[in-house]
Amino acid sequence: ADLAAFMDQVVSPLGQGPIIALAHSMGGHILLRALKAKPALVEAAVLSAPMIGMQTEGYPPVIARSICKANLAPDGTLPVLTLNPQLEQLLSNSIQQTDQGAFVSLEPGVASKILQNVHDHIERQGAQGVQPVVLTSSKVRLVFRRLIERKLPNLQVMSYNEVIPPSTEVRSLGLISV
């Protein structure tokens, strides 16, 4: 809507030649949405790597392999924290789908307790020189990541099926609970 308004109010009144739009990444996404709503907005469009979707499920194997490798302990094991089953179930039941993607709808007190528990685990492990990965089910991986990313932006969250190679030995350091 903003792009269409800009074109109508600023660009079109100039009346100079054909209007050709060039857009990259998120700009490509914005232009595509504007063209869907108003196909005659421009005479031609050039899109460079338009963001037409975001990776919201599992990591591509090459990325998962890199995350695993980067987080291996000196003994070759992958140190992990896992969610206790009740927390997994709570998160799974709290997933809300919107046009902007999935998120968890939790009471603020519950979310705060989860964040504090994760933070405490990370602090304890960090004091021992260990940076664990959090393993979750694939269903809650993304929403759990979104829940913690502001407070713990460098903490890796992976689903069980993303541990590559599958022969990687996983070493549990604790359970995250509410």
C-alpha atoms as a PDB file:
ATOM      1  CA  ALA A   1       0.000   0.000   0.000  1.00  0.00           C
ATOM      2  CA  ASP A   2       2.831   2.421   0.845  1.00  0.00           C
ATOM      3  CA  LEU A   3       4.691   1.668  -2.376  1.00  0.00           C
ATOM      4  CA  ALA A   4       1.542   2.083  -4.482  1.00  0.00           C
ATOM      5  CA  ALA A   5       0.776   5.380  -2.740  1.00  0.00           C
ATOM      6  CA  PHE A   6       4.351   6.595  -3.328  1.00  0.00           C
ATOM      7  CA  MET A   7       4.129   5.658  -7.001  1.00  0.00           C
ATOM      8  CA  ASP A   8       0.750   7.411  -7.393  1.00  0.00           C
ATOM      9  CA  GLN A   9       1.627  10.547  -5.423  1.00  0.00           C
ATOM     10  CA  VAL A  10       5.325  11.078  -6.237  1.00  0.00           C
ATOM     11  CA  VAL A  11       6.554   9.112  -9.266  1.00  0.00           C
ATOM     12  CA  SER A  12       3.579   9.170 -11.644  1.00  0.00           C
ATOM     13  CA  PRO A  13       3.085  12.967 -11.502  1.00  0.00           C
ATOM     14  CA  LEU A  14       6.619  13.358 -12.874  1.00  0.00           C
ATOM     15  CA  GLY A  15       5.338  11.820 -16.126  1.00  0.00           C
ATOM     16  CA  GLN A  16       8.746  10.793 -17.429  1.00  0.00           C
ATOM     17  CA  GLY A  17       9.033   7.710 -19.655  1.00  0.00           C
ATOM     18  CA  PRO A  18       8.281   4.128 -18.716  1.00  0.00           C
ATOM     19  CA  ILE A  19       8.550   3.239 -15.030  1.00  0.00           C
ATOM     20  CA  ILE A  20      10.879   0.316 -14.382  1.00  0.00           C
ATOM     21  CA  ALA A  21      11.309  -0.949 -10.822  1.00  0.00           C
ATOM     22  CA  LEU A  22      14.467  -2.578  -9.481  1.00  0.00           C
ATOM     23  CA  ALA A  23      14.221  -4.382  -6.145  1.00  0.00           C
ATOM     24  CA  HIS A  24      16.475  -6.641  -4.094  1.00  0.00           C
ATOM     25  CA  SER A  25      15.716  -9.049  -1.235  1.00  0.00           C
ATOM     26  CA  MET A  26      12.994  -7.593   1.042  1.00  0.00           C
ATOM     27  CA  GLY A  27      12.433  -4.853  -1.548  1.00  0.00           C
ATOM     28  CA  GLY A  28      11.600  -7.633  -4.020  1.00  0.00           C
ATOM     29  CA  HIS A  29       9.031  -8.966  -1.586  1.00  0.00           C
ATOM     30  CA  ILE A  30       7.487  -5.514  -1.170  1.00  0.00           C
ATOM     31  CA  LEU A  31       7.384  -4.945  -4.941  1.00  0.00           C
ATOM     32  CA  LEU A  32       5.796  -8.354  -5.574  1.00  0.00           C
ATOM     33  CA  ARG A  33       3.057  -7.623  -3.032  1.00  0.00           C
ATOM     34  CA  ALA A  34       2.423  -4.206  -4.580  1.00  0.00           C
ATOM     35  CA  LEU A  35       2.269  -5.712  -8.092  1.00  0.00           C
ATOM     36  CA  LYS A  36      -0.165  -8.378  -6.923  1.00  0.00           C
ATOM     37  CA  ALA A  37      -2.490  -5.664  -5.633  1.00  0.00           C
ATOM     38  CA  LYS A  38      -1.944  -3.324  -8.603  1.00  0.00           C
ATOM     39  CA  PRO A  39      -0.436  -5.129 -11.637  1.00  0.00           C
ATOM     40  CA  ALA A  40      -0.130  -1.938 -13.745  1.00  0.00           C
ATOM     41  CA  LEU A  41       1.986  -0.187 -11.100  1.00  0.00           C
ATOM     42  CA  VAL A  42       5.121  -0.317 -13.293  1.00  0.00           C
ATOM     43  CA  GLU A  43       5.853  -1.211 -16.910  1.00  0.00           C
ATOM     44  CA  ALA A  44       8.639  -3.658 -15.967  1.00  0.00           C
ATOM     45  CA  ALA A  45      10.203  -5.052 -12.810  1.00  0.00           C
ATOM     46  CA  VAL A  46      13.661  -6.489 -12.143  1.00  0.00           C
ATOM     47  CA  LEU A  47      13.917  -8.561  -8.976  1.00  0.00           C
ATOM     48  CA  SER A  48      17.269  -9.589  -7.515  1.00  0.00           C
ATOM     49  CA  ALA A  49      17.070 -12.414  -4.941  1.00  0.00           C
ATOM     50  CA  PRO A  50      13.534 -11.518  -3.881  1.00  0.00           C
ATOM     51  CA  MET A  51      12.576 -12.685  -0.405  1.00  0.00           C
ATOM     52  CA  ILE A  52       9.583 -14.794  -1.304  1.00  0.00           C
ATOM     53  CA  GLY A  53       9.808 -17.114   1.660  1.00  0.00           C
ATOM     54  CA  MET A  54      11.731 -17.584   4.844  1.00  0.00           C
ATOM     55  CA  GLN A  55      13.347 -20.724   6.200  1.00  0.00           C
ATOM     56  CA  THR A  56      11.071 -21.599   9.096  1.00  0.00           C
ATOM     57  CA  GLU A  57      11.381 -25.339   9.325  1.00  0.00           C
ATOM     58  CA  GLY A  58      14.640 -27.204   9.633  1.00  0.00           C
ATOM     59  CA  TYR A  59      18.095 -25.970   8.822  1.00  0.00           C
ATOM     60  CA  PRO A  60      19.448 -27.059   5.444  1.00  0.00           C
ATOM     61  CA  PRO A  61      21.810 -30.027   6.036  1.00  0.00           C
ATOM     62  CA  VAL A  62      24.959 -28.032   5.286  1.00  0.00           C
ATOM     63  CA  ILE A  63      24.009 -25.440   7.935  1.00  0.00           C
ATOM     64  CA  ALA A  64      23.005 -28.093  10.486  1.00  0.00           C
ATOM     65  CA  ARG A  65      26.327 -29.868   9.926  1.00  0.00           C
ATOM     66  CA  SER A  66      28.213 -26.591  10.440  1.00  0.00           C
ATOM     67  CA  ILE A  67      26.323 -25.793  13.649  1.00  0.00           C
ATOM     68  CA  CYS A  68      27.013 -29.264  15.025  1.00  0.00           C
ATOM     69  CA  LYS A  69      30.680 -29.115  14.107  1.00  0.00           C
ATOM     70  CA  ALA A  70      31.134 -25.623  15.556  1.00  0.00           C
ATOM     71  CA  ASN A  71      29.577 -26.675  18.854  1.00  0.00           C
ATOM     72  CA  LEU A  72      31.362 -29.985  19.406  1.00  0.00           C
ATOM     73  CA  ALA A  73      33.189 -30.261  22.709  1.00  0.00           C
ATOM     74  CA  PRO A  74      36.891 -31.229  22.703  1.00  0.00           C
ATOM     75  CA  ASP A  75      35.844 -34.849  23.360  1.00  0.00           C
ATOM     76  CA  GLY A  76      33.820 -34.842  20.106  1.00  0.00           C
ATOM     77  CA  THR A  77      30.390 -34.831  21.772  1.00  0.00           C
ATOM     78  CA  LEU A  78      27.649 -32.279  21.208  1.00  0.00           C
ATOM     79  CA  PRO A  79      26.713 -30.682  24.559  1.00  0.00           C
ATOM     80  CA  VAL A  80      22.971 -30.041  24.677  1.00  0.00           C
ATOM     81  CA  LEU A  81      20.158 -28.811  26.818  1.00  0.00           C
ATOM     82  CA  THR A  82      16.728 -30.280  26.147  1.00  0.00           C
ATOM     83  CA  LEU A  83      13.222 -29.184  26.993  1.00  0.00           C
ATOM     84  CA  ASN A  84      11.396 -31.291  29.524  1.00  0.00           C
ATOM     85  CA  PRO A  85       8.315 -33.019  28.064  1.00  0.00           C
ATOM     86  CA  GLN A  86       5.862 -30.752  29.895  1.00  0.00           C
ATOM     87  CA  LEU A  87       7.533 -27.637  28.463  1.00  0.00           C
ATOM     88  CA  GLU A  88       7.572 -29.148  24.956  1.00  0.00           C
ATOM     89  CA  GLN A  89       3.845 -29.867  25.316  1.00  0.00           C
ATOM     90  CA  LEU A  90       3.104 -26.388  26.691  1.00  0.00           C
ATOM     91  CA  LEU A  91       4.931 -24.742  23.790  1.00  0.00           C
ATOM     92  CA  SER A  92       3.309 -27.041  21.250  1.00  0.00           C
ATOM     93  CA  ASN A  93      -0.162 -26.270  22.600  1.00  0.00           C
ATOM     94  CA  SER A  94       0.582 -22.520  22.645  1.00  0.00           C
ATOM     95  CA  ILE A  95       1.611 -22.156  18.991  1.00  0.00           C
ATOM     96  CA  GLN A  96      -0.409 -19.536  17.147  1.00  0.00           C
ATOM     97  CA  GLN A  97      -0.249 -19.196  13.350  1.00  0.00           C
ATOM     98  CA  THR A  98      -0.560 -15.743  11.762  1.00  0.00           C
ATOM     99  CA  ASP A  99       0.239 -14.195   8.389  1.00  0.00           C
ATOM    100  CA  GLN A 100       3.622 -13.260   9.865  1.00  0.00           C
ATOM    101  CA  GLY A 101       4.394 -16.851  10.901  1.00  0.00           C
ATOM    102  CA  ALA A 102       4.171 -18.893  14.065  1.00  0.00           C
ATOM    103  CA  PHE A 103       4.676 -17.698  17.610  1.00  0.00           C
ATOM    104  CA  VAL A 104       3.851 -18.939  21.099  1.00  0.00           C
ATOM    105  CA  SER A 105       1.158 -17.282  23.127  1.00  0.00           C
ATOM    106  CA  LEU A 106       2.220 -17.601  26.757  1.00  0.00           C
ATOM    107  CA  GLU A 107       1.416 -15.678  29.889  1.00  0.00           C
ATOM    108  CA  PRO A 108       4.245 -13.187  30.519  1.00  0.00           C
ATOM    109  CA  GLY A 109       5.130 -14.845  33.835  1.00  0.00           C
ATOM    110  CA  VAL A 110       5.516 -18.230  32.170  1.00  0.00           C
ATOM    111  CA  ALA A 111       7.677 -16.830  29.373  1.00  0.00           C
ATOM    112  CA  SER A 112       9.853 -15.048  31.950  1.00  0.00           C
ATOM    113  CA  LYS A 113      10.337 -18.248  33.946  1.00  0.00           C
ATOM    114  CA  ILE A 114      11.370 -20.136  30.806  1.00  0.00           C
ATOM    115  CA  LEU A 115      13.829 -17.410  29.816  1.00  0.00           C
ATOM    116  CA  GLN A 116      15.297 -17.304  33.318  1.00  0.00           C
ATOM    117  CA  ASN A 117      15.691 -21.081  33.390  1.00  0.00           C
ATOM    118  CA  VAL A 118      17.476 -21.093  30.018  1.00  0.00           C
ATOM    119  CA  HIS A 119      19.671 -18.176  31.093  1.00  0.00           C
ATOM    120  CA  ASP A 120      20.628 -19.952  34.340  1.00  0.00           C
ATOM    121  CA  HIS A 121      21.590 -23.132  32.462  1.00  0.00           C
ATOM    122  CA  ILE A 122      23.682 -21.165  29.962  1.00  0.00           C
ATOM    123  CA  GLU A 123      25.424 -19.229  32.734  1.00  0.00           C
ATOM    124  CA  ARG A 124      26.329 -22.451  34.601  1.00  0.00           C
ATOM    125  CA  GLN A 125      27.638 -24.123  31.467  1.00  0.00           C
ATOM    126  CA  GLY A 126      29.462 -20.987  30.337  1.00  0.00           C
ATOM    127  CA  ALA A 127      31.296 -20.849  33.674  1.00  0.00           C
ATOM    128  CA  GLN A 128      32.672 -24.285  32.763  1.00  0.00           C
ATOM    129  CA  GLY A 129      33.628 -23.145  29.266  1.00  0.00           C
ATOM    130  CA  VAL A 130      30.786 -25.012  27.560  1.00  0.00           C
ATOM    131  CA  GLN A 131      28.358 -23.502  25.049  1.00  0.00           C
ATOM    132  CA  PRO A 132      25.487 -25.979  24.669  1.00  0.00           C
ATOM    133  CA  VAL A 133      22.970 -26.242  21.866  1.00  0.00           C
ATOM    134  CA  VAL A 134      19.287 -26.502  22.782  1.00  0.00           C
ATOM    135  CA  LEU A 135      17.572 -29.524  21.218  1.00  0.00           C
ATOM    136  CA  THR A 136      13.814 -29.481  20.738  1.00  0.00           C
ATOM    137  CA  SER A 137      11.224 -31.236  18.651  1.00  0.00           C
ATOM    138  CA  SER A 138      10.957 -29.891  15.116  1.00  0.00           C
ATOM    139  CA  LYS A 139       7.469 -28.586  15.887  1.00  0.00           C
ATOM    140  CA  VAL A 140       8.615 -26.166  18.600  1.00  0.00           C
ATOM    141  CA  ARG A 141      12.153 -25.318  17.404  1.00  0.00           C
ATOM    142  CA  LEU A 142      11.271 -22.091  15.614  1.00  0.00           C
ATOM    143  CA  VAL A 143       8.879 -20.763  18.249  1.00  0.00           C
ATOM    144  CA  PHE A 144      11.323 -21.588  21.053  1.00  0.00           C
ATOM    145  CA  ARG A 145      14.070 -19.783  19.125  1.00  0.00           C
ATOM    146  CA  ARG A 146      11.835 -16.729  18.738  1.00  0.00           C
ATOM    147  CA  LEU A 147      11.018 -16.839  22.449  1.00  0.00           C
ATOM    148  CA  ILE A 148      14.677 -16.689  23.530  1.00  0.00           C
ATOM    149  CA  GLU A 149      16.379 -14.765  20.721  1.00  0.00           C
ATOM    150  CA  ARG A 150      16.228 -11.292  22.292  1.00  0.00           C
ATOM    151  CA  LYS A 151      17.747 -12.404  25.580  1.00  0.00           C
ATOM    152  CA  LEU A 152      20.065 -15.094  24.166  1.00  0.00           C
ATOM    153  CA  PRO A 153      20.763 -14.197  20.525  1.00  0.00           C
ATOM    154  CA  ASN A 154      23.816 -16.482  20.192  1.00  0.00           C
ATOM    155  CA  LEU A 155      22.225 -19.633  21.579  1.00  0.00           C
ATOM    156  CA  GLN A 156      21.751 -22.263  18.873  1.00  0.00           C
ATOM    157  CA  VAL A 157      18.424 -24.112  18.826  1.00  0.00           C
ATOM    158  CA  MET A 158      18.134 -27.261  16.734  1.00  0.00           C
ATOM    159  CA  SER A 159      15.630 -30.057  16.369  1.00  0.00           C
ATOM    160  CA  TYR A 160      16.623 -33.644  17.051  1.00  0.00           C
ATOM    161  CA  ASN A 161      16.548 -34.562  13.364  1.00  0.00           C
ATOM    162  CA  GLU A 162      18.984 -31.739  12.522  1.00  0.00           C
ATOM    163  CA  VAL A 163      21.906 -33.278  14.411  1.00  0.00           C
ATOM    164  CA  ILE A 164      24.268 -34.193  11.554  1.00  0.00           C
ATOM    165  CA  PRO A 165      25.833 -36.601  11.135  1.00  0.00           C
ATOM    166  CA  PRO A 166      23.301 -38.838  12.914  1.00  0.00           C
ATOM    167  CA  SER A 167      26.202 -40.667  14.543  1.00  0.00           C
ATOM    168  CA  THR A 168      27.089 -37.524  16.537  1.00  0.00           C
ATOM    169  CA  GLU A 169      27.192 -38.361  20.224  1.00  0.00           C
ATOM    170  CA  VAL A 170      24.894 -36.018  22.129  1.00  0.00           C
ATOM    171  CA  ARG A 171      25.773 -35.233  25.769  1.00  0.00           C
ATOM    172  CA  SER A 172      22.836 -33.938  27.824  1.00  0.00           C
ATOM    173  CA  LEU A 173      23.731 -31.183  30.275  1.00  0.00           C
ATOM    174  CA  GLY A 174      20.263 -30.580  31.649  1.00  0.00           C
ATOM    175  CA  LEU A 175      16.560 -30.077  31.142  1.00  0.00           C
ATOM    176  CA  ILE A 176      14.924 -26.721  30.600  1.00  0.00           C
ATOM    177  CA  SER A 177      11.613 -26.433  32.415  1.00  0.00           C
ATOM    178  CA  VAL A 178       9.075 -23.807  33.470  1.00  0.00           C
END
